[in-house]
Amino acid sequence: MADAELIQEIERRIAAVRENLRDLTEQATAFSGAADESRMADRITDQEERLAKLLKEQAEAAKA
């Protein structure tokens, strides 16, 4: 049962990160200027790294 709860929690976190990525992508299209674009690119990269980590955790939890 704990594994199922863990997987559900990871899935909720994945959904939140994906939503953050969608929001950041929309915001990036509205920004102009090198500093804004660089900052937004950094935020998107951070969220992509979080997503990759969570997807890995999800796969490992599913194997258990």
N, C-alpha and C. Protein backbone atom coordinates (compact mmCIF):
# COMPACT_ATOMS: atom_id res chain seq x y z
N MET A 1 0.82 -1.20 0.00
CA MET A 1 0.00 0.00 0.00
C MET A 1 0.85 1.24 0.00
N ALA A 2 1.94 1.20 0.74
CA ALA A 2 2.83 2.37 0.81
C ALA A 2 3.39 2.70 -0.56
N ASP A 3 3.69 1.66 -1.35
CA ASP A 3 4.20 1.90 -2.69
C ASP A 3 3.18 2.62 -3.55
N ALA A 4 1.93 2.25 -3.44
CA ALA A 4 0.88 2.90 -4.21
C ALA A 4 0.74 4.36 -3.80
N GLU A 5 0.84 4.62 -2.49
CA GLU A 5 0.76 6.00 -2.01
C GLU A 5 1.95 6.81 -2.48
N LEU A 6 3.13 6.20 -2.47
CA LEU A 6 4.33 6.87 -2.95
C LEU A 6 4.19 7.22 -4.43
N ILE A 7 3.72 6.28 -5.21
CA ILE A 7 3.53 6.52 -6.64
C ILE A 7 2.52 7.64 -6.87
N GLN A 8 1.44 7.65 -6.10
CA GLN A 8 0.45 8.73 -6.24
C GLN A 8 1.05 10.08 -5.90
N GLU A 9 1.85 10.14 -4.86
CA GLU A 9 2.50 11.40 -4.48
C GLU A 9 3.45 11.86 -5.57
N ILE A 10 4.22 10.94 -6.12
CA ILE A 10 5.14 11.29 -7.20
C ILE A 10 4.35 11.79 -8.40
N GLU A 11 3.24 11.14 -8.72
CA GLU A 11 2.42 11.57 -9.85
C GLU A 11 1.84 12.97 -9.64
N ARG A 12 1.46 13.29 -8.39
CA ARG A 12 0.98 14.65 -8.09
C ARG A 12 2.09 15.67 -8.30
N ARG A 13 3.29 15.32 -7.86
CA ARG A 13 4.43 16.23 -8.03
C ARG A 13 4.79 16.40 -9.50
N ILE A 14 4.70 15.31 -10.27
CA ILE A 14 4.96 15.39 -11.72
C ILE A 14 3.96 16.32 -12.37
N ALA A 15 2.70 16.19 -12.01
CA ALA A 15 1.66 17.06 -12.58
C ALA A 15 1.94 18.52 -12.25
N ALA A 16 2.37 18.79 -11.03
CA ALA A 16 2.67 20.17 -10.63
C ALA A 16 3.84 20.73 -11.42
N VAL A 17 4.87 19.93 -11.61
CA VAL A 17 6.04 20.40 -12.38
C VAL A 17 5.65 20.62 -13.84
N ARG A 18 4.86 19.73 -14.39
CA ARG A 18 4.42 19.92 -15.79
C ARG A 18 3.60 21.20 -15.93
N GLU A 19 2.76 21.48 -14.95
CA GLU A 19 1.98 22.72 -14.97
C GLU A 19 2.91 23.93 -14.89
N ASN A 20 3.91 23.84 -14.02
CA ASN A 20 4.90 24.92 -13.93
C ASN A 20 5.60 25.15 -15.27
N LEU A 21 5.95 24.06 -15.93
CA LEU A 21 6.60 24.19 -17.24
C LEU A 21 5.69 24.86 -18.26
N ARG A 22 4.41 24.49 -18.26
CA ARG A 22 3.46 25.14 -19.18
C ARG A 22 3.37 26.63 -18.89
N ASP A 23 3.26 26.97 -17.60
CA ASP A 23 3.18 28.39 -17.22
C ASP A 23 4.44 29.15 -17.61
N LEU A 24 5.59 28.56 -17.34
CA LEU A 24 6.84 29.22 -17.68
C LEU A 24 7.00 29.41 -19.18
N THR A 25 6.57 28.43 -19.94
CA THR A 25 6.65 28.53 -21.40
C THR A 25 5.76 29.67 -21.89
N GLU A 26 4.56 29.78 -21.34
CA GLU A 26 3.67 30.88 -21.72
C GLU A 26 4.27 32.23 -21.33
N GLN A 27 4.85 32.30 -20.14
CA GLN A 27 5.47 33.54 -19.70
C GLN A 27 6.66 33.90 -20.57
N ALA A 28 7.41 32.91 -20.99
CA ALA A 28 8.60 33.15 -21.81
C ALA A 28 8.23 33.81 -23.13
N THR A 29 7.08 33.45 -23.68
CA THR A 29 6.68 34.06 -24.94
C THR A 29 6.30 35.52 -24.77
N ALA A 30 5.94 35.90 -23.55
CA ALA A 30 5.52 37.29 -23.30
C ALA A 30 6.71 38.18 -22.95
N PHE A 31 7.80 37.61 -22.49
CA PHE A 31 8.96 38.41 -22.09
C PHE A 31 9.80 38.81 -23.29
N SER A 32 10.45 39.95 -23.15
CA SER A 32 11.44 40.35 -24.13
C SER A 32 12.63 40.90 -23.40
N GLY A 33 13.78 40.79 -23.99
CA GLY A 33 15.00 41.26 -23.36
C GLY A 33 15.86 40.10 -22.93
N ALA A 34 17.15 40.26 -23.10
CA ALA A 34 18.09 39.16 -22.84
C ALA A 34 18.06 38.70 -21.39
N ALA A 35 18.00 39.63 -20.44
CA ALA A 35 18.02 39.25 -19.03
C ALA A 35 16.78 38.44 -18.67
N ASP A 36 15.62 38.88 -19.13
CA ASP A 36 14.38 38.15 -18.86
C ASP A 36 14.42 36.77 -19.49
N GLU A 37 14.88 36.70 -20.72
CA GLU A 37 14.93 35.41 -21.42
C GLU A 37 15.89 34.45 -20.74
N SER A 38 17.02 34.96 -20.29
CA SER A 38 18.00 34.11 -19.60
C SER A 38 17.43 33.60 -18.28
N ARG A 39 16.79 34.45 -17.53
CA ARG A 39 16.19 34.06 -16.25
C ARG A 39 15.10 33.01 -16.49
N MET A 40 14.28 33.23 -17.49
CA MET A 40 13.21 32.29 -17.79
C MET A 40 13.78 30.95 -18.25
N ALA A 41 14.82 30.98 -19.06
CA ALA A 41 15.45 29.75 -19.51
C ALA A 41 16.00 28.96 -18.32
N ASP A 42 16.58 29.66 -17.35
CA ASP A 42 17.08 29.00 -16.15
C ASP A 42 15.95 28.34 -15.37
N ARG A 43 14.84 29.03 -15.25
CA ARG A 43 13.69 28.47 -14.52
C ARG A 43 13.12 27.25 -15.24
N ILE A 44 13.05 27.32 -16.55
CA ILE A 44 12.55 26.18 -17.33
C ILE A 44 13.49 24.99 -17.19
N THR A 45 14.79 25.23 -17.27
CA THR A 45 15.77 24.16 -17.11
C THR A 45 15.63 23.51 -15.74
N ASP A 46 15.45 24.32 -14.70
CA ASP A 46 15.27 23.79 -13.35
C ASP A 46 14.06 22.87 -13.29
N GLN A 47 12.96 23.30 -13.86
CA GLN A 47 11.74 22.49 -13.83
C GLN A 47 11.90 21.21 -14.65
N GLU A 48 12.61 21.28 -15.77
CA GLU A 48 12.84 20.09 -16.58
C GLU A 48 13.69 19.07 -15.81
N GLU A 49 14.68 19.57 -15.06
CA GLU A 49 15.50 18.67 -14.25
C GLU A 49 14.66 18.03 -13.14
N ARG A 50 13.79 18.80 -12.52
CA ARG A 50 12.90 18.24 -11.49
C ARG A 50 12.00 17.17 -12.07
N LEU A 51 11.47 17.44 -13.26
CA LEU A 51 10.59 16.47 -13.91
C LEU A 51 11.34 15.18 -14.20
N ALA A 52 12.54 15.27 -14.73
CA ALA A 52 13.33 14.08 -15.02
C ALA A 52 13.58 13.27 -13.75
N LYS A 53 13.89 13.95 -12.65
CA LYS A 53 14.14 13.26 -11.38
C LYS A 53 12.88 12.55 -10.90
N LEU A 54 11.75 13.23 -10.99
CA LEU A 54 10.49 12.64 -10.54
C LEU A 54 10.09 11.45 -11.41
N LEU A 55 10.30 11.55 -12.70
CA LEU A 55 9.98 10.43 -13.59
C LEU A 55 10.85 9.22 -13.26
N LYS A 56 12.10 9.47 -12.90
CA LYS A 56 12.99 8.38 -12.51
C LYS A 56 12.50 7.76 -11.20
N GLU A 57 12.13 8.59 -10.23
CA GLU A 57 11.59 8.08 -8.97
C GLU A 57 10.33 7.25 -9.20
N GLN A 58 9.48 7.73 -10.11
CA GLN A 58 8.25 7.02 -10.42
C GLN A 58 8.55 5.64 -10.99
N ALA A 59 9.49 5.57 -11.92
CA ALA A 59 9.85 4.29 -12.52
C ALA A 59 10.42 3.34 -11.48
N GLU A 60 11.26 3.86 -10.58
CA GLU A 60 11.85 3.01 -9.54
C GLU A 60 10.78 2.53 -8.56
N ALA A 61 9.85 3.39 -8.22
CA ALA A 61 8.78 2.99 -7.29
C ALA A 61 7.86 1.95 -7.93
N ALA A 62 7.66 2.06 -9.22
CA ALA A 62 6.78 1.12 -9.92
C ALA A 62 7.42 -0.27 -9.97
N LYS A 63 8.75 -0.32 -9.99
CA LYS A 63 9.45 -1.61 -10.03
C LYS A 63 9.38 -2.32 -8.69
N ALA A 64 9.26 -1.56 -7.62
CA ALA A 64 9.30 -2.14 -6.26
C ALA A 64 8.04 -2.91 -5.93
